[in-house]
N, C-alpha and C. Protein backbone atom coordinates (compact mmCIF):
# COMPACT_ATOMS: atom_id res chain seq x y z
N MET A 1 76.96 124.92 101.72
CA MET A 1 78.29 124.87 100.68
C MET A 1 79.81 125.25 101.62
N ALA A 2 79.54 125.39 103.18
CA ALA A 2 80.66 125.50 103.98
C ALA A 2 81.51 124.17 103.82
N VAL A 3 82.70 124.58 104.32
CA VAL A 3 83.53 123.23 104.87
C VAL A 3 84.18 123.71 106.46
N ARG A 4 84.42 122.36 106.89
CA ARG A 4 84.97 122.44 107.96
C ARG A 4 86.64 121.82 107.62
N ILE A 5 87.81 122.62 108.17
CA ILE A 5 88.74 122.06 108.04
C ILE A 5 89.28 121.45 109.45
N ARG A 6 89.78 120.23 109.71
CA ARG A 6 89.97 119.50 110.92
C ARG A 6 91.48 119.57 111.10
N LYS A 7 92.18 119.78 112.29
CA LYS A 7 93.40 119.86 112.42
C LYS A 7 94.31 118.75 112.00
N ASP A 8 93.34 117.73 111.91
CA ASP A 8 94.10 116.29 110.44
C ASP A 8 94.50 117.05 109.49
N GLY A 9 93.63 117.63 109.17
CA GLY A 9 93.73 118.03 107.76
C GLY A 9 93.06 118.06 106.70
N ARG A 10 92.03 117.35 107.19
CA ARG A 10 90.38 116.60 106.38
C ARG A 10 90.12 118.17 106.35
N ILE A 11 89.26 117.88 104.91
CA ILE A 11 88.12 119.17 105.05
C ILE A 11 87.23 118.47 104.57
N LEU A 12 86.27 118.80 105.34
CA LEU A 12 84.84 118.35 105.45
C LEU A 12 83.19 119.53 104.93
N CYS A 13 82.45 118.45 104.58
CA CYS A 13 81.43 119.62 104.24
C CYS A 13 81.04 119.88 105.78
N ALA A 14 80.76 121.05 105.76
CA ALA A 14 80.17 121.55 107.61
C ALA A 14 78.60 120.96 107.72
N ALA A 15 77.87 121.11 106.67
CA ALA A 15 76.49 120.38 106.86
C ALA A 15 76.52 119.21 107.55
N MET A 16 77.34 118.14 107.11
CA MET A 16 77.21 116.63 107.15
C MET A 16 78.17 116.41 108.49
N HIS A 17 78.96 117.32 108.69
CA HIS A 17 79.83 116.93 110.02
C HIS A 17 79.72 118.06 110.93
N GLU A 18 79.31 117.83 112.50
CA GLU A 18 78.97 118.78 113.25
C GLU A 18 80.86 119.38 113.54
N PRO A 19 80.54 120.73 114.30
CA PRO A 19 82.02 121.37 114.24
C PRO A 19 82.57 120.56 115.55
N GLU A 20 84.02 120.39 115.82
CA GLU A 20 84.75 119.80 116.99
C GLU A 20 85.92 120.89 117.18
N PRO A 21 86.85 120.68 118.18
CA PRO A 21 87.82 121.70 118.65
C PRO A 21 88.82 121.71 117.37
N GLY A 22 89.23 123.05 117.34
CA GLY A 22 90.38 123.14 116.20
C GLY A 22 89.89 123.37 115.00
N ASP A 23 88.59 123.35 114.93
CA ASP A 23 88.12 123.58 113.67
C ASP A 23 88.17 124.51 112.80
N THR A 24 88.93 124.77 111.59
CA THR A 24 88.97 126.60 110.74
C THR A 24 87.50 126.31 109.62
N TYR A 25 86.57 127.15 110.48
CA TYR A 25 85.33 126.96 109.25
C TYR A 25 85.54 127.92 107.72
N ILE A 26 85.55 127.15 106.91
CA ILE A 26 85.49 127.95 105.44
C ILE A 26 84.08 128.70 104.98
N HIS A 27 83.63 129.55 105.09
CA HIS A 27 82.17 129.94 104.73
C HIS A 27 82.01 129.85 103.45
N ASP A 28 80.52 129.62 103.02
CA ASP A 28 80.05 129.93 101.53
C ASP A 28 80.63 129.92 100.50
N ASP A 29 80.74 131.42 100.73
CA ASP A 29 81.36 132.16 99.51
C ASP A 29 82.77 131.82 99.21
N LEU A 30 83.81 131.87 100.37
CA LEU A 30 85.28 131.60 99.93
C LEU A 30 85.03 129.86 99.86
N HIS A 31 83.86 128.93 100.31
CA HIS A 31 84.20 127.86 99.44
C HIS A 31 83.68 127.57 98.33
N TYR A 32 83.19 128.67 97.42
CA TYR A 32 82.46 128.48 96.84
C TYR A 32 83.47 129.16 95.21
N ARG A 33 83.80 129.57 95.88
CA ARG A 33 85.27 130.35 94.96
C ARG A 33 86.54 129.22 95.13
N MET A 34 86.44 128.62 96.06
CA MET A 34 87.91 127.90 95.98
C MET A 34 87.42 126.10 95.37
N SER A 35 86.30 126.14 94.97
CA SER A 35 85.05 125.14 94.81
C SER A 35 85.22 124.52 93.00
N VAL A 36 84.37 126.20 93.22
CA VAL A 36 83.58 126.12 91.52
C VAL A 36 84.44 127.09 90.85
N GLU A 37 85.16 128.45 91.22
CA GLU A 37 85.58 129.00 90.40
C GLU A 37 86.82 128.88 90.47
N GLU A 38 87.63 128.73 91.23
CA GLU A 38 89.27 127.93 91.07
C GLU A 38 89.04 126.70 91.30
N LYS A 39 88.52 126.18 91.41
CA LYS A 39 88.56 124.49 91.39
C LYS A 39 90.22 124.20 92.12
N VAL A 40 90.36 124.92 93.39
CA VAL A 40 91.44 124.55 94.17
C VAL A 40 90.91 123.59 95.57
N LEU A 41 89.71 123.76 95.44
CA LEU A 41 89.27 122.38 96.47
C LEU A 41 88.41 121.17 95.41
N VAL A 42 88.31 119.73 95.51
CA VAL A 42 87.98 119.36 94.83
C VAL A 42 87.20 118.02 95.16
N THR A 43 86.16 117.63 95.10
CA THR A 43 85.46 116.12 95.60
C THR A 43 84.80 115.25 94.71
N GLU A 44 84.44 114.20 94.87
CA GLU A 44 83.87 112.88 94.43
C GLU A 44 82.68 113.53 93.70
N PRO A 45 81.78 112.73 92.69
CA PRO A 45 80.47 113.03 92.56
C PRO A 45 79.83 112.97 93.77
N MET A 46 78.37 113.54 93.38
CA MET A 46 77.52 113.84 94.63
C MET A 46 77.25 112.82 95.00
N GLU A 47 76.89 111.56 94.37
CA GLU A 47 76.57 110.07 95.22
C GLU A 47 77.38 109.73 95.86
N ARG A 48 78.68 109.85 95.44
CA ARG A 48 79.69 109.46 96.73
C ARG A 48 79.68 110.26 97.45
N HIS A 49 79.74 112.11 97.29
CA HIS A 49 80.30 112.31 97.73
C HIS A 49 78.94 112.66 99.49
N ALA A 50 78.06 112.46 99.16
CA ALA A 50 76.89 112.42 99.76
C ALA A 50 76.91 111.63 100.98
N LEU A 51 78.17 110.39 100.63
CA LEU A 51 78.50 109.76 101.47
C LEU A 51 79.27 110.14 102.95
N SER A 52 80.21 110.64 102.26
CA SER A 52 81.11 111.00 103.62
C SER A 52 81.45 112.34 103.59
N GLY A 53 81.18 113.68 102.54
CA GLY A 53 80.97 114.88 102.67
C GLY A 53 82.83 115.05 102.76
N GLU A 54 83.40 114.83 102.09
CA GLU A 54 84.94 115.07 102.37
C GLU A 54 85.04 115.57 100.78
N TRP A 55 85.99 117.04 101.29
CA TRP A 55 87.05 117.66 100.21
C TRP A 55 88.17 116.89 100.04
N TRP A 56 89.30 117.44 98.85
CA TRP A 56 90.19 117.57 99.08
C TRP A 56 91.41 118.62 98.30
N TRP A 57 92.49 118.99 98.72
CA TRP A 57 93.22 120.27 97.54
C TRP A 57 93.19 119.43 96.34
N ALA A 58 93.05 120.07 95.25
CA ALA A 58 93.20 119.82 94.02
C ALA A 58 94.72 119.06 94.03
N GLY A 59 94.80 118.71 93.02
CA GLY A 59 96.72 117.88 93.10
C GLY A 59 97.00 116.79 94.20
N ASN A 60 96.26 116.88 95.42
CA ASN A 60 96.45 116.04 96.76
C ASN A 60 94.94 115.26 97.35
N VAL A 61 94.51 114.62 96.17
CA VAL A 61 92.93 113.74 96.33
C VAL A 61 94.08 112.03 96.47
N PRO A 62 93.36 111.33 97.45
CA PRO A 62 94.37 110.56 97.58
C PRO A 62 93.72 108.95 96.63
N ASP A 63 95.15 108.25 96.76
CA ASP A 63 94.57 107.03 95.41
C ASP A 63 93.61 106.07 95.80
N GLY A 64 93.19 106.20 94.82
CA GLY A 64 91.59 105.27 94.84
C GLY A 64 90.74 106.70 94.70
N VAL A 65 90.39 107.34 94.77
CA VAL A 65 89.29 108.67 94.65
C VAL A 65 89.25 108.48 93.29
N SER A 66 88.41 108.85 93.28
CA SER A 66 87.88 109.31 91.67
C SER A 66 86.84 110.97 91.86
N ILE A 67 87.65 112.15 91.49
CA ILE A 67 87.24 113.18 91.51
C ILE A 67 85.60 113.32 90.41
N ASP A 68 85.20 114.12 90.59
CA ASP A 68 83.98 114.55 89.74
C ASP A 68 84.33 115.02 88.81
N PRO A 69 83.91 114.98 87.37
CA PRO A 69 84.60 115.22 85.98
C PRO A 69 84.97 116.89 86.08
N PHE A 70 83.36 117.23 87.12
CA PHE A 70 83.46 118.82 86.52
C PHE A 70 84.85 119.58 87.10
N TYR A 71 85.67 119.22 88.44
CA TYR A 71 86.69 119.72 88.26
C TYR A 71 88.12 119.28 87.70
N GLU A 72 87.86 118.61 86.39
CA GLU A 72 88.53 118.28 85.32
C GLU A 72 88.77 118.82 84.19
N SER A 73 87.61 119.88 84.15
CA SER A 73 87.42 120.60 83.12
C SER A 73 88.57 121.91 82.84
N THR A 74 88.52 122.40 82.08
CA THR A 74 89.73 122.89 81.14
C THR A 74 88.99 124.56 82.26
N SER A 75 87.64 125.10 82.12
CA SER A 75 87.45 126.06 81.86
C SER A 75 87.75 126.47 83.81
N ARG A 76 87.79 127.44 84.24
CA ARG A 76 88.10 127.95 85.74
C ARG A 76 86.63 128.26 85.92
N ASN A 77 86.15 129.43 85.46
CA ASN A 77 85.05 130.18 86.31
C ASN A 77 83.90 129.91 85.00
N PRO A 78 82.75 129.42 85.39
CA PRO A 78 81.84 129.23 84.87
C PRO A 78 80.88 130.32 84.70
N ARG A 79 81.15 131.36 85.28
CA ARG A 79 80.36 132.53 85.02
C ARG A 79 80.65 133.40 83.67
N SER A 80 82.24 133.01 83.20
CA SER A 80 82.60 133.51 82.33
C SER A 80 81.85 133.18 80.79
N SER A 81 81.79 134.19 80.17
CA SER A 81 80.83 133.55 78.65
C SER A 81 82.04 133.14 77.72
N SER A 82 81.37 132.21 77.04
CA SER A 82 82.54 131.26 76.18
C SER A 82 82.12 132.32 74.42
């Protein structure tokens, strides 16, 4: 679940995109925390994500992109008990 942040600002799935000079690599643990626990990195539902492997900062999603409903939930930490 690691990502690469490109110099142009795009955030891409590291498994789907080869490294390029200038990339900043975000390892699995930090990406998990940012996407699943804190929900500051968001993506589309898996069937769409599998086509591009792109991520966005929450609140900075391009027009026309629908993020996965998981990121719209009010619960920030899935490990917390309800």
